[in-house]
C-alpha atoms as a PDB file:
ATOM      1  CA  CYS A   1       0.106   4.213 -15.853  1.00  0.00           C
ATOM      2  CA  SER A   2      -1.604   4.643 -19.209  1.00  0.00           C
ATOM      3  CA  ARG A   3       1.503   3.621 -21.163  1.00  0.00           C
ATOM      4  CA  ARG A   4       1.536   0.283 -19.350  1.00  0.00           C
ATOM      5  CA  ARG A   5      -2.068  -0.330 -20.354  1.00  0.00           C
ATOM      6  CA  THR A   6      -1.694   0.688 -24.004  1.00  0.00           C
ATOM      7  CA  GLN A   7       1.512  -1.303 -24.434  1.00  0.00           C
ATOM      8  CA  GLY A   8       0.144  -4.351 -22.599  1.00  0.00           C
ATOM      9  CA  LEU A   9       2.964  -4.280 -20.076  1.00  0.00           C
ATOM     10  CA  GLY A  10       2.846  -5.657 -16.556  1.00  0.00           C
ATOM     11  CA  ILE A  11       4.418  -4.182 -13.465  1.00  0.00           C
ATOM     12  CA  VAL A  12       6.144  -6.067 -10.676  1.00  0.00           C
ATOM     13  CA  THR A  13       5.712  -4.093  -7.471  1.00  0.00           C
ATOM     14  CA  TRP A  14       8.268  -4.105  -4.728  1.00  0.00           C
ATOM     15  CA  SER A  15       6.867  -3.902  -1.218  1.00  0.00           C
ATOM     16  CA  PRO A  16       3.136  -3.679  -1.989  1.00  0.00           C
ATOM     17  CA  LEU A  17       2.538  -3.225   1.721  1.00  0.00           C
ATOM     18  CA  GLY A  18       4.217   0.165   1.466  1.00  0.00           C
ATOM     19  CA  GLY A  19       6.902  -0.531   4.052  1.00  0.00           C
ATOM     20  CA  GLY A  20       4.136  -1.021   6.593  1.00  0.00           C
ATOM     21  CA  MET A  21       1.889   1.849   5.524  1.00  0.00           C
ATOM     22  CA  LEU A  22      -0.810  -0.282   3.892  1.00  0.00           C
ATOM     23  CA  THR A  23      -0.884  -2.678   6.838  1.00  0.00           C
ATOM     24  CA  GLY A  24      -2.190   0.020   9.156  1.00  0.00           C
ATOM     25  CA  LYS A  25       0.658  -0.753  11.541  1.00  0.00           C
ATOM     26  CA  TYR A  26       1.872   2.830  11.612  1.00  0.00           C
ATOM     27  CA  ARG A  27      -0.854   5.427  11.294  1.00  0.00           C
ATOM     28  CA  LYS A  28      -0.144   9.080  10.657  1.00  0.00           C
ATOM     29  CA  GLY A  29       1.860  10.578  13.494  1.00  0.00           C
ATOM     30  CA  GLU A  30       2.613   7.320  15.301  1.00  0.00           C
ATOM     31  CA  LYS A  31       6.172   6.508  16.329  1.00  0.00           C
ATOM     32  CA  GLY A  32       8.260   3.440  15.578  1.00  0.00           C
ATOM     33  CA  ARG A  33       8.090   3.216  11.804  1.00  0.00           C
ATOM     34  CA  ALA A  34      11.374   2.700   9.992  1.00  0.00           C
ATOM     35  CA  GLU A  35      12.437   5.745   8.010  1.00  0.00           C
ATOM     36  CA  GLY A  36      15.377   4.155   6.160  1.00  0.00           C
ATOM     37  CA  PHE A  37      17.206   5.618   3.182  1.00  0.00           C
ATOM     38  CA  GLY A  38      16.343   9.190   4.063  1.00  0.00           C
ATOM     39  CA  GLY A  39      12.622   8.475   3.822  1.00  0.00           C
ATOM     40  CA  LYS A  40      12.869   7.705   0.108  1.00  0.00           C
ATOM     41  CA  VAL A  41      11.864   4.047   0.368  1.00  0.00           C
ATOM     42  CA  PHE A  42       9.329   4.017   3.170  1.00  0.00           C
ATOM     43  CA  GLN A  43       6.546   6.413   2.299  1.00  0.00           C
ATOM     44  CA  PRO A  44       4.687   8.172   5.100  1.00  0.00           C
ATOM     45  CA  GLU A  45       0.935   8.553   5.304  1.00  0.00           C
ATOM     46  CA  ASN A  46       1.247  12.220   4.422  1.00  0.00           C
ATOM     47  CA  SER A  47      -1.587  12.890   2.029  1.00  0.00           C
ATOM     48  CA  ALA A  48      -5.354  12.739   2.000  1.00  0.00           C
ATOM     49  CA  GLN A  49      -5.223  10.153  -0.811  1.00  0.00           C
ATOM     50  CA  ARG A  50      -2.973   7.790   1.170  1.00  0.00           C
ATOM     51  CA  THR A  51      -5.113   8.221   4.271  1.00  0.00           C
ATOM     52  CA  GLN A  52      -8.246   7.422   2.239  1.00  0.00           C
ATOM     53  CA  VAL A  53      -6.653   4.300   0.713  1.00  0.00           C
ATOM     54  CA  LEU A  54      -5.451   3.115   4.116  1.00  0.00           C
ATOM     55  CA  ASP A  55      -8.840   3.766   5.749  1.00  0.00           C
ATOM     56  CA  THR A  56     -10.517   1.764   2.967  1.00  0.00           C
ATOM     57  CA  VAL A  57      -8.041  -1.126   3.238  1.00  0.00           C
ATOM     58  CA  ILE A  58      -8.545  -1.290   7.022  1.00  0.00           C
ATOM     59  CA  ALA A  59     -12.355  -1.096   6.732  1.00  0.00           C
ATOM     60  CA  ILE A  60     -12.480  -3.953   4.205  1.00  0.00           C
ATOM     61  CA  ALA A  61     -10.135  -6.042   6.347  1.00  0.00           C
ATOM     62  CA  GLU A  62     -12.283  -5.488   9.446  1.00  0.00           C
ATOM     63  CA  GLU A  63     -15.434  -6.387   7.506  1.00  0.00           C
ATOM     64  CA  LEU A  64     -13.841  -9.645   6.339  1.00  0.00           C
ATOM     65  CA  GLY A  65     -12.228 -10.427   9.685  1.00  0.00           C
ATOM     66  CA  VAL A  66      -8.668 -10.424   8.333  1.00  0.00           C
ATOM     67  CA  THR A  67      -5.609  -8.220   8.711  1.00  0.00           C
ATOM     68  CA  PRO A  68      -5.037  -5.369   6.243  1.00  0.00           C
ATOM     69  CA  SER A  69      -2.019  -7.119   4.659  1.00  0.00           C
ATOM     70  CA  PRO A  70      -3.863  -9.542   2.332  1.00  0.00           C
ATOM     71  CA  ILE A  71      -6.290  -6.797   1.305  1.00  0.00           C
ATOM     72  CA  ALA A  72      -3.366  -4.553   0.322  1.00  0.00           C
ATOM     73  CA  ILE A  73      -1.739  -7.336  -1.709  1.00  0.00           C
ATOM     74  CA  VAL A  74      -4.980  -8.116  -3.556  1.00  0.00           C
ATOM     75  CA  TRP A  75      -5.526  -4.391  -4.192  1.00  0.00           C
ATOM     76  CA  ALA A  76      -2.066  -4.127  -5.787  1.00  0.00           C
ATOM     77  CA  GLY A  77      -2.807  -7.196  -7.926  1.00  0.00           C
ATOM     78  CA  THR A  78      -6.102  -5.804  -9.189  1.00  0.00           C
ATOM     79  CA  HIS A  79      -4.392  -2.607 -10.329  1.00  0.00           C
ATOM     80  CA  GLY A  80      -2.180  -4.342 -12.895  1.00  0.00           C
ATOM     81  CA  ALA A  81       0.741  -5.111 -10.604  1.00  0.00           C
ATOM     82  CA  VAL A  82       2.306  -8.419  -9.615  1.00  0.00           C
ATOM     83  CA  PRO A  83       3.330  -8.074  -5.952  1.00  0.00           C
ATOM     84  CA  ILE A  84       6.614  -9.614  -4.823  1.00  0.00           C
END
């Protein structure tokens, strides 16, 4: 957010793993993912941008030999957010 940058504000992110989306645990169309709160909290992989981010997170994780979770947390941290 540009206002955050110009005002020098930080952001504390809730659930930087996207309710499982950024972990790669539940890819588009797969069953088993929690859809709590009418789908308002857990975001689906329903856009080309989200799919691209997830593909990138998974590719980096595979290259480094780790799971996607730490990559997603670091990504959130490098975009001005403090993950909790």
